[in-house]
Each structure stands twice: as structure tokens, then as C-alpha cells.
Amino acid sequence: MGMFERDQQVFANAEPLDDSYEPEDIRERDEELEKYQRALQPIIDNRPTSNIFLYGKTGTGKTVATKFMLSHLEHDAAEYDDIDLSTVWVSCENLSSSYQVAVALVNTLRENQTKERISTTGYSQQRVFDLLYEELNALGGTVIVVLDEIDNIGHSDEILYGLPRARSNGYVEDVRPVIIGISNDFQFRENLSPKVKDTLAEKEILYPPYDANQLRSILEPRAEKAFYEGVLSGEVVPLCAAFAAQDTGSARQAIRLLREAGELAQAEDADTVTEKHVRDAQEELEKNQLYEGMQELTTQGHAVLCALAYHQALDEVPIRSRDLYERYVNICDRLDTDNVSERRVRDHLSDMNMLGLICVYERNEGLSAGRYHEYELDVPLNAVLDVLLSTNRFEEIADIIQSTATDNDLLQSGISDY
């Protein structure tokens, strides 16, 4: 026999345990889906529609709910001759400005055309916006623009000002652009410029973390399809749900845990997936979770992490946020990206603390200095640098920090002007 053999006793169909799987129905989000339906109803009524923003942490169902609702919307809109509906979807995961988002939108709209894609450099922002308006005009009707992980653009929010006003400003004619923004950051709206907040006039839908019972309800139909009958012991699904609920409340985490437990059982040539497999899977995923948690940070989150890593390399930790903020601003300047307020940097630090990436110490200096917090990494510096080195925008800075970690002479490390 060869090294690899096809499993015949654990997985019947592993597709329901894949991140890309789209379920036939959305469980445990009835209230959110009802709000979503109300927000999209004006499109069917052929009247002006508000923009829609979904907020919630990773794995709380925002993206899958959007795909589900838009699939039904497109199907139902096709029944009406007077509705002309198009959808364009762009992930902003690696996009940090309105300029980059506009380029991505133009290229996505041109995918099925003979027109060439435009490059990410060489155009003014207004020219890219003009090209975007040309593509929207060519479509006509209602165009839903889905911007997934929109919080990555930070303060560069011109796209959120320009698109909603495109029709009133005469940039498009028979087009109604509708933005659906999906954000992992509950505070994203608070950091938008006042004119953007006023222009968006959006409907907000919040997606809270799932509890254990909700996660169990989500896992059960997937498990029934994914595994052969009788393979899962009775405690497996409840334990996967409990572990995920205690940690992040993420359905994605619960599903990955169930899949990993099945793969461990398969590797052991076991007939049954047991509680032990789940616990072993949890231990394995916890090792990977820190790395993934760092990878999934926004550009601003990476900049804060980068600043903390720099001070860690110089053994200048724990460090106060006001001192860390100076380094963070310099890093943003070097990256040519907007910086956020010191308060928002503390929010990012709080998120990283919840992810288990950093330690936070509360200090009390009494009347002289009062209470304040200090921060340091709670994961190996090398692990942080590995993540930053794999992120294009931070590769150069991570190299410098890596050099600094082995030689604290700033002049030799080439970072003296930071």
C-alpha cells in the first residue's frame, strides 16, 4: 500500500467542515436576519435603500449571512422586470486605503470584460474613482457593493463618502450604489470622519458572539453530514461548542475544532471520535490560534504589535501606552498610512490581550502618577516577527526589529531615525 490511503471510516463528506461551506440555512441568527431582510426590502420595492453595516468579531456569521441574504435577494429580484440588480464583492483584508479599495472594485467589475485591469499605482485617487463610476454607469440599476473587513482602511474613508454621494454629485446617472460594509471592529464607525458618518446613513446590524447552545445547534447538522453514522461519541459536539464558546464565541473555531478532532481520530485509525480527540485537538489548535490571531489583525493592529515588538527587542518592556504610541506613529509614517488616536491604540492592545498575545499590568503610583497600564508580549518575539515578515507592508520593519533583537545598537540596525 502507498503512504496515503483514502479514509473509509470517519468522514463521510468533510465539505460541511470547510470554511468556504455555505449552509442551506443560517442558524441562531433569526433576529439579525430579520433586520437584514428589512434593510434590503427597499431594493425589491424599487426605492432608495440605506447602506448596511454589519459589526461583529470573526466567526459570528456576518459574511455567511450576507452571502445567504444576497443569494435570496438576487433570486427574488429576478422575478421583477423593473429591478436591475448587480453585486460586486471585495475583501479589504489586504487593502489599507480607499484608493486600494477603489482599484480592487474597478478590477473586480472588469473581470468578465475585455478591458485591462488597472495597476495599484500610477493613477490619482480621483482618476481611479472616475474609472469606478464609469464601470458602475455601465452596469446601471442598483449595484450592491460589499466591502468585507472594511475596517482595514482605517481613516482613509473617502470611498465611504464618495460612493453614497456619487448619484447626487452627478458622477453616475441611472445607478443606485448601496454599500454593505462588514467589520470585525465594533468601534470602526466611531473613527470615521463626521462627513462620512453623515453621508452613510446606514442601517447597523450587530453580531454578538455565539453561546454554547447556539454553537451546538450550528455544529449538529454539519456533523451529521460530515461524519459516518455512529462515528461521533455523544460528548464530542457539546464539548467542541463549549470550548469555542468559552474562548471566542466563534462558529468558525467550533467547526475547526470538530474537524481537527476527526482528523486526529482518522490518523489513529480509530472507529470513534471521542472526548480525548477533542481535547487533543483543542491543545493543537491553541498553538495555532495565537499565530492566526496575529495574522488576522488589521493593518492598525499590526502596526501596534510592531511597535510593541520593537520595544520588546530592545528589552524596554513592560511599556506604557503613551511611550508605545510614539513608536506606533513613527511606524505609520514609515508605512505611509494614517495613524489612529492613542485611545484607539489602547483598544487594539485590549483586543490583543483578549487574544492572549500580550500581557497587561496595572500600576498604581498613588497621588504622584495615579493608575496606568503597561504592556509586553506574551508570545515569543520570533513568532511575532514571523507573522510580520509574512505581511508585505511590515516585512522591512520586521527585518530591522529582528536585527535589533540581536544587536541593540540602533545606529547599526538602521532604525535610528524612528
Protein backbone atom coordinates (compact mmCIF):
# COMPACT_ATOMS: atom_id res chain seq x y z
CA MET A 1 0.00 0.00 0.00
CA GLY A 2 1.08 3.59 -0.55
CA MET A 3 1.81 6.20 2.08
CA PHE A 4 -1.65 7.77 1.64
CA GLU A 5 -4.90 5.84 1.78
CA ARG A 6 -8.47 7.07 1.49
CA ASP A 7 -10.30 7.22 4.83
CA GLN A 8 -13.36 4.99 4.86
CA GLN A 9 -14.47 5.12 8.48
CA VAL A 10 -14.54 8.69 9.85
CA PHE A 11 -15.50 11.34 7.28
CA ALA A 12 -18.46 10.74 5.00
CA ASN A 13 -18.24 14.24 3.47
CA ALA A 14 -15.85 16.76 5.05
CA GLU A 15 -17.11 19.70 2.99
CA PRO A 16 -19.53 20.95 5.72
CA LEU A 17 -16.48 21.42 7.97
CA ASP A 18 -14.69 23.65 5.45
CA ASP A 19 -14.50 27.43 5.96
CA SER A 20 -15.93 28.03 2.47
CA TYR A 21 -19.03 25.86 3.03
CA GLU A 22 -22.32 27.75 2.64
CA PRO A 23 -25.14 26.14 4.67
CA GLU A 24 -28.67 25.84 3.34
CA ASP A 25 -29.99 27.83 6.28
CA ILE A 26 -28.49 30.19 8.85
CA ARG A 27 -28.99 29.03 12.41
CA GLU A 28 -29.21 31.11 15.59
CA ARG A 29 -29.33 34.44 13.76
CA ASP A 30 -33.08 34.91 13.30
CA GLU A 31 -33.14 38.42 14.78
CA GLU A 32 -30.15 39.59 12.73
CA LEU A 33 -31.54 38.08 9.51
CA GLU A 34 -34.88 39.76 10.11
CA LYS A 35 -33.13 43.14 10.42
CA TYR A 36 -31.10 42.32 7.31
CA GLN A 37 -34.24 41.49 5.34
CA ARG A 38 -35.89 44.75 6.37
CA ALA A 39 -32.78 46.68 5.32
CA LEU A 40 -32.75 45.03 1.86
CA GLN A 41 -36.52 45.15 1.25
CA PRO A 42 -36.42 48.63 -0.42
CA ILE A 43 -34.46 47.07 -3.30
CA ILE A 44 -37.39 44.77 -4.07
CA ASP A 45 -39.75 47.74 -3.66
CA ASN A 46 -37.56 49.62 -6.18
CA ARG A 47 -36.97 52.56 -3.88
CA PRO A 48 -33.87 54.19 -2.34
CA THR A 49 -32.00 51.87 0.03
CA SER A 50 -29.84 52.70 3.03
CA ASN A 51 -26.31 51.42 3.28
CA ILE A 52 -25.87 48.49 5.65
CA PHE A 53 -23.03 47.85 8.09
CA LEU A 54 -22.51 44.57 9.95
CA TYR A 55 -20.34 44.53 13.07
CA GLY A 56 -19.03 41.54 15.00
CA LYS A 57 -15.93 39.52 15.77
CA THR A 58 -14.57 36.88 13.40
CA GLY A 59 -16.73 33.77 13.16
CA THR A 60 -20.02 35.33 14.26
CA GLY A 61 -21.79 34.79 10.93
CA LYS A 62 -21.56 38.19 9.22
CA THR A 63 -20.11 37.01 5.91
CA VAL A 64 -22.12 33.80 5.62
CA ALA A 65 -25.32 35.72 6.45
CA THR A 66 -24.51 38.28 3.75
CA LYS A 67 -23.94 35.59 1.11
CA PHE A 68 -27.16 33.89 2.19
CA MET A 69 -29.24 37.08 2.06
CA LEU A 70 -27.81 38.28 -1.25
CA SER A 71 -28.40 34.89 -2.85
CA HIS A 72 -32.08 35.08 -1.90
CA LEU A 73 -32.28 38.75 -2.89
CA GLU A 74 -30.86 38.08 -6.37
CA HIS A 75 -33.22 35.14 -6.87
CA ASP A 76 -36.29 37.11 -5.79
CA ALA A 77 -35.31 40.27 -7.69
CA ALA A 78 -35.17 38.26 -10.91
CA GLU A 79 -38.97 37.87 -10.67
CA TYR A 80 -39.47 41.61 -11.27
CA ASP A 81 -38.86 43.18 -14.68
CA ASP A 82 -38.30 46.64 -13.25
CA ILE A 83 -35.40 45.60 -10.94
CA ASP A 84 -31.90 45.66 -12.35
CA LEU A 85 -29.63 44.31 -9.59
CA SER A 86 -25.87 43.68 -9.57
CA THR A 87 -23.48 42.76 -6.78
CA VAL A 88 -19.74 43.34 -6.52
CA TRP A 89 -17.81 41.86 -3.59
CA VAL A 90 -14.33 42.95 -2.48
CA SER A 91 -12.37 41.68 0.52
CA CYS A 92 -10.43 44.52 2.12
CA GLU A 93 -8.21 42.15 4.09
CA ASN A 94 -5.02 43.41 2.44
CA LEU A 95 -6.30 46.86 1.47
CA SER A 96 -5.45 49.78 3.72
CA SER A 97 -6.85 52.80 1.87
CA SER A 98 -9.82 54.00 -0.16
CA TYR A 99 -7.52 54.21 -3.18
CA GLN A 100 -6.70 50.49 -2.97
CA VAL A 101 -10.37 49.59 -2.43
CA ALA A 102 -11.40 51.62 -5.50
CA VAL A 103 -8.73 49.89 -7.62
CA ALA A 104 -9.95 46.49 -6.42
CA LEU A 105 -13.55 47.42 -7.25
CA VAL A 106 -12.64 48.56 -10.77
CA ASN A 107 -10.70 45.35 -11.43
CA THR A 108 -13.45 43.17 -10.00
CA LEU A 109 -16.04 44.87 -12.22
CA ARG A 110 -13.77 44.33 -15.23
CA GLU A 111 -13.22 40.61 -14.60
CA ASN A 112 -15.76 39.49 -17.20
CA GLN A 113 -14.88 42.21 -19.72
CA THR A 114 -12.17 42.68 -22.32
CA LYS A 115 -10.87 45.77 -20.53
CA GLU A 116 -7.46 45.52 -18.89
CA ARG A 117 -7.05 45.57 -15.13
CA ILE A 118 -5.60 48.77 -13.76
CA SER A 119 -2.43 48.79 -11.67
CA THR A 120 -2.34 49.72 -8.00
CA THR A 121 -0.04 52.68 -8.72
CA GLY A 122 0.26 55.43 -11.30
CA TYR A 123 -3.19 56.98 -11.00
CA SER A 124 -4.52 59.82 -8.89
CA GLN A 125 -7.25 58.83 -6.46
CA GLN A 126 -9.81 60.92 -8.32
CA ARG A 127 -8.91 59.18 -11.59
CA VAL A 128 -9.46 55.78 -10.01
CA PHE A 129 -12.79 56.96 -8.62
CA ASP A 130 -13.76 58.22 -12.10
CA LEU A 131 -12.95 54.81 -13.57
CA LEU A 132 -15.08 53.21 -10.86
CA TYR A 133 -18.01 55.49 -11.69
CA GLU A 134 -17.63 54.58 -15.37
CA GLU A 135 -17.91 50.88 -14.54
CA LEU A 136 -20.94 51.49 -12.31
CA ASN A 137 -22.61 53.54 -15.04
CA ALA A 138 -22.08 50.67 -17.46
CA LEU A 139 -23.94 48.34 -15.09
CA GLY A 140 -26.85 50.64 -14.27
CA GLY A 141 -29.64 49.87 -11.83
CA THR A 142 -28.98 49.02 -8.18
CA VAL A 143 -25.40 47.96 -7.52
CA ILE A 144 -24.65 46.42 -4.13
CA VAL A 145 -21.02 46.97 -3.20
CA VAL A 146 -19.94 44.54 -0.46
CA LEU A 147 -16.79 45.63 1.36
CA ASP A 148 -15.72 42.77 3.63
CA GLU A 149 -13.35 43.64 6.51
CA ILE A 150 -13.80 47.32 5.68
CA ASP A 151 -12.17 48.36 8.99
CA ASN A 152 -8.77 47.73 7.39
CA ILE A 153 -8.94 51.10 5.59
CA GLY A 154 -8.66 52.98 8.90
CA HIS A 155 -9.01 56.75 8.49
CA SER A 156 -8.76 56.57 4.70
CA ASP A 157 -12.55 56.56 4.34
CA GLU A 158 -13.08 58.63 1.17
CA ILE A 159 -14.67 55.64 -0.60
CA LEU A 160 -17.42 55.65 2.02
CA TYR A 161 -18.05 59.33 1.28
CA GLY A 162 -17.79 59.20 -2.49
CA LEU A 163 -19.93 56.15 -3.34
CA PRO A 164 -23.10 57.14 -1.45
CA ARG A 165 -22.94 60.66 -2.97
CA ALA A 166 -21.99 59.56 -6.49
CA ARG A 167 -25.52 59.95 -7.86
CA SER A 168 -26.31 63.27 -6.19
CA ASN A 169 -22.96 64.66 -7.37
CA GLY A 170 -23.65 63.62 -10.96
CA TYR A 171 -20.83 61.05 -11.18
CA VAL A 172 -23.33 58.30 -12.03
CA GLU A 173 -26.75 58.57 -13.66
CA ASP A 174 -29.09 55.59 -13.61
CA VAL A 175 -27.21 53.86 -10.82
CA ARG A 176 -28.05 53.38 -7.15
CA PRO A 177 -24.90 52.28 -5.29
CA VAL A 178 -25.63 50.54 -1.98
CA ILE A 179 -22.74 49.74 0.36
CA ILE A 180 -22.74 46.69 2.61
CA GLY A 181 -19.79 47.05 4.97
CA ILE A 182 -18.63 44.11 7.08
CA SER A 183 -16.36 44.93 10.01
CA ASN A 184 -14.68 42.97 12.79
CA ASP A 185 -14.25 46.21 14.75
CA PHE A 186 -17.22 47.45 16.77
CA GLN A 187 -15.50 50.85 17.08
CA PHE A 188 -14.97 51.30 13.33
CA ARG A 189 -17.84 53.74 12.83
CA GLU A 190 -16.63 55.93 15.69
CA ASN A 191 -13.37 56.58 13.86
CA LEU A 192 -14.96 57.68 10.60
CA SER A 193 -14.84 61.36 9.73
CA PRO A 194 -18.00 63.33 10.61
CA LYS A 195 -18.86 63.94 6.94
CA VAL A 196 -18.69 60.19 6.22
CA LYS A 197 -20.89 59.35 9.20
CA ASP A 198 -23.44 61.87 7.96
CA THR A 199 -23.30 60.64 4.36
CA LEU A 200 -23.52 56.91 5.03
CA ALA A 201 -26.96 56.99 6.69
CA GLU A 202 -26.55 53.28 7.25
CA LYS A 203 -28.50 50.53 8.99
CA GLU A 204 -26.36 48.84 11.64
CA ILE A 205 -26.65 45.13 12.49
CA LEU A 206 -24.58 43.78 15.38
CA TYR A 207 -23.49 40.14 15.51
CA PRO A 208 -22.63 39.12 19.09
CA PRO A 209 -20.52 36.02 19.88
CA TYR A 210 -22.39 32.70 19.98
CA ASP A 211 -23.01 30.89 23.25
CA ALA A 212 -22.50 27.13 23.73
CA ASN A 213 -26.11 26.18 22.94
CA GLN A 214 -26.09 28.22 19.72
CA LEU A 215 -22.78 26.70 18.63
CA ARG A 216 -24.13 23.21 19.33
CA SER A 217 -27.14 23.98 17.12
CA ILE A 218 -24.79 25.14 14.33
CA LEU A 219 -22.48 22.13 14.64
CA GLU A 220 -25.08 19.36 14.75
CA PRO A 221 -26.30 19.47 11.10
CA ARG A 222 -22.74 19.85 9.85
CA ALA A 223 -21.57 16.92 11.95
CA GLU A 224 -24.45 14.78 10.70
CA LYS A 225 -23.39 15.38 7.10
CA ALA A 226 -19.63 15.26 7.67
CA PHE A 227 -19.23 12.02 9.63
CA TYR A 228 -20.40 8.48 9.11
CA GLU A 229 -23.28 7.46 11.34
CA GLY A 230 -22.19 6.35 14.79
CA VAL A 231 -18.64 7.70 14.49
CA LEU A 232 -19.07 10.64 16.90
CA SER A 233 -19.42 9.84 20.59
CA GLY A 234 -22.17 11.80 22.34
CA GLU A 235 -19.91 14.31 24.10
CA VAL A 236 -17.95 15.43 21.03
CA VAL A 237 -20.25 18.13 19.60
CA PRO A 238 -21.21 19.62 23.02
CA LEU A 239 -17.54 19.76 24.04
CA CYS A 240 -16.48 21.47 20.79
CA ALA A 241 -19.26 24.02 21.30
CA ALA A 242 -18.29 24.59 24.94
CA PHE A 243 -14.59 25.13 24.18
CA ALA A 244 -15.35 27.66 21.42
CA ALA A 245 -17.99 29.49 23.49
CA GLN A 246 -15.60 29.86 26.42
CA ASP A 247 -12.92 31.30 24.14
CA THR A 248 -14.24 33.48 21.31
CA GLY A 249 -17.86 32.51 20.68
CA SER A 250 -16.80 31.82 17.09
CA ALA A 251 -18.61 29.25 14.96
CA ARG A 252 -15.50 29.01 12.80
CA GLN A 253 -13.43 27.97 15.81
CA ALA A 254 -16.00 25.34 16.85
CA ILE A 255 -16.13 23.88 13.33
CA ARG A 256 -12.33 23.75 13.05
CA LEU A 257 -12.14 22.00 16.42
CA LEU A 258 -14.63 19.36 15.30
CA ARG A 259 -12.74 18.80 12.05
CA GLU A 260 -9.37 18.58 13.85
CA ALA A 261 -10.79 16.03 16.31
CA GLY A 262 -11.99 13.93 13.37
CA GLU A 263 -8.59 14.15 11.67
CA LEU A 264 -6.83 13.03 14.86
CA ALA A 265 -9.18 10.04 15.12
CA GLN A 266 -8.55 9.24 11.47
CA ALA A 267 -4.77 9.41 11.98
CA GLU A 268 -5.10 6.91 14.84
CA ASP A 269 -7.24 4.64 12.68
CA ALA A 270 -9.92 4.91 15.38
CA ASP A 271 -13.51 3.80 14.84
CA THR A 272 -14.91 6.57 17.04
CA VAL A 273 -14.18 10.26 17.61
CA THR A 274 -14.04 10.72 21.39
CA GLU A 275 -13.73 13.41 24.05
CA LYS A 276 -9.98 12.76 24.15
CA HIS A 277 -9.69 13.59 20.45
CA VAL A 278 -11.49 16.89 21.09
CA ARG A 279 -9.18 17.78 23.98
CA ASP A 280 -6.10 16.88 21.96
CA ALA A 281 -7.46 18.92 19.05
CA GLN A 282 -8.06 21.89 21.35
CA GLU A 283 -4.46 21.76 22.54
CA GLU A 284 -3.21 21.61 18.95
CA LEU A 285 -5.42 24.46 17.77
CA GLU A 286 -4.46 26.66 20.71
CA LYS A 287 -0.87 26.53 19.45
CA ASN A 288 -2.01 27.67 16.00
CA GLN A 289 -4.60 30.13 17.29
CA LEU A 290 -2.05 32.64 18.54
CA TYR A 291 -0.36 32.67 15.15
CA GLU A 292 -3.70 33.04 13.34
CA GLY A 293 -4.80 35.71 15.81
CA MET A 294 -1.76 37.78 14.90
CA GLN A 295 -2.30 37.19 11.18
CA GLU A 296 -5.92 38.36 11.34
CA LEU A 297 -5.12 41.70 12.99
CA THR A 298 -5.94 44.77 10.93
CA THR A 299 -3.20 46.98 9.49
CA GLN A 300 -3.54 49.24 12.54
CA GLY A 301 -3.37 46.22 14.83
CA HIS A 302 -0.20 45.04 13.10
CA ALA A 303 1.32 48.50 13.48
CA VAL A 304 0.63 48.46 17.23
CA LEU A 305 2.01 44.93 17.51
CA CYS A 306 5.06 46.02 15.51
CA ALA A 307 5.70 48.92 17.89
CA LEU A 308 5.47 46.62 20.90
CA ALA A 309 7.77 44.08 19.24
CA TYR A 310 10.33 46.84 18.67
CA HIS A 311 10.39 47.75 22.37
CA GLN A 312 10.48 44.04 23.23
CA ALA A 313 13.56 43.64 21.04
CA LEU A 314 15.26 46.46 22.98
CA ASP A 315 14.16 44.93 26.31
CA GLU A 316 12.18 48.12 27.04
CA VAL A 317 9.11 46.32 28.36
CA PRO A 318 6.71 46.48 30.03
CA ILE A 319 5.94 49.85 28.47
CA ARG A 320 3.20 52.44 28.90
CA SER A 321 0.82 53.15 26.04
CA ARG A 322 1.91 56.79 25.76
CA ASP A 323 5.51 55.68 25.12
CA LEU A 324 4.42 52.91 22.79
CA TYR A 325 2.24 55.40 20.90
CA GLU A 326 5.27 57.45 19.82
CA ARG A 327 6.82 54.38 18.20
CA TYR A 328 3.49 53.42 16.64
CA VAL A 329 3.11 56.87 14.99
CA ASN A 330 6.63 56.63 13.56
CA ILE A 331 5.87 53.20 12.12
CA CYS A 332 2.66 54.50 10.50
CA ASP A 333 4.66 57.38 8.98
CA ARG A 334 7.17 54.93 7.59
CA LEU A 335 4.35 52.83 6.10
CA ASP A 336 2.66 55.97 4.72
CA THR A 337 -0.58 55.03 6.46
CA ASP A 338 -2.85 57.07 8.73
CA ASN A 339 -2.45 56.68 12.47
CA VAL A 340 -5.28 56.47 14.99
CA SER A 341 -5.64 58.14 18.38
CA GLU A 342 -3.86 56.88 21.48
CA ARG A 343 -7.24 55.76 22.83
CA ARG A 344 -7.75 53.54 19.78
CA VAL A 345 -4.24 52.13 20.21
CA ARG A 346 -5.27 51.12 23.74
CA ASP A 347 -8.36 49.46 22.24
CA HIS A 348 -6.11 47.45 19.91
CA LEU A 349 -3.94 46.50 22.90
CA SER A 350 -7.05 45.37 24.75
CA ASP A 351 -8.05 43.18 21.79
CA MET A 352 -4.57 41.64 21.69
CA ASN A 353 -4.77 40.96 25.41
CA MET A 354 -8.05 39.07 24.88
CA LEU A 355 -6.36 37.07 22.10
CA GLY A 356 -3.60 36.10 24.54
CA LEU A 357 -0.91 37.90 22.55
CA ILE A 358 0.19 40.39 25.22
CA CYS A 359 0.30 40.85 28.99
CA VAL A 360 -1.19 43.91 30.67
CA TYR A 361 -0.03 45.11 34.09
CA GLU A 362 -1.95 47.66 36.14
CA ARG A 363 0.27 50.07 38.06
CA ASN A 364 -0.76 52.38 40.89
CA GLU A 365 1.68 55.16 41.68
CA GLY A 366 -0.69 56.83 44.12
CA LEU A 367 -1.15 60.57 44.03
CA SER A 368 2.11 61.12 42.15
CA ALA A 369 1.19 59.34 38.91
CA GLY A 370 -2.14 57.61 39.51
CA ARG A 371 -3.14 54.36 37.82
CA TYR A 372 -1.92 53.30 34.41
CA HIS A 373 -1.21 50.16 32.39
CA GLU A 374 1.99 48.70 30.97
CA TYR A 375 2.28 46.16 28.18
CA GLU A 376 4.59 43.44 26.90
CA LEU A 377 4.36 40.47 24.55
CA ASP A 378 3.00 37.20 25.95
CA VAL A 379 4.20 35.22 22.92
CA PRO A 380 7.78 34.68 21.67
CA LEU A 381 9.20 37.66 19.79
CA ASN A 382 10.26 35.34 16.98
CA ALA A 383 6.64 34.24 16.48
CA VAL A 384 5.56 37.88 16.15
CA LEU A 385 8.35 38.60 13.68
CA ASP A 386 7.42 35.54 11.61
CA VAL A 387 3.91 36.98 11.19
CA LEU A 388 5.16 40.49 10.40
CA LEU A 389 7.70 39.13 7.91
CA SER A 390 4.87 37.30 6.11
CA THR A 391 2.91 40.59 5.83
CA ASN A 392 4.25 42.56 2.87
CA ARG A 393 3.82 46.02 4.33
CA PHE A 394 5.70 45.14 7.52
CA GLU A 395 8.46 42.99 6.06
CA GLU A 396 11.12 45.73 6.03
CA ILE A 397 10.36 46.91 9.57
CA ALA A 398 10.28 43.32 10.87
CA ASP A 399 13.73 42.77 9.36
CA ILE A 400 15.02 45.81 11.24
CA ILE A 401 13.45 44.65 14.51
CA GLN A 402 14.96 41.22 14.00
CA SER A 403 18.39 42.81 13.62
CA THR A 404 17.72 44.98 16.65
CA ALA A 405 16.87 41.89 18.71
CA THR A 406 20.35 40.50 18.12
CA ASP A 407 22.17 43.83 18.32
CA ASN A 408 20.65 46.68 20.34
CA ASP A 409 22.82 49.31 18.64
CA LEU A 410 20.20 51.45 16.90
CA LEU A 411 22.69 53.07 14.56
CA GLN A 412 23.86 49.71 13.26
CA SER A 413 20.29 48.48 12.88
CA GLY A 414 19.42 51.39 10.60
CA ILE A 415 16.42 52.44 12.66
CA SER A 416 17.92 55.42 14.49
CA ASP A 417 15.54 57.92 12.92
CA TYR A 418 12.45 56.13 14.16
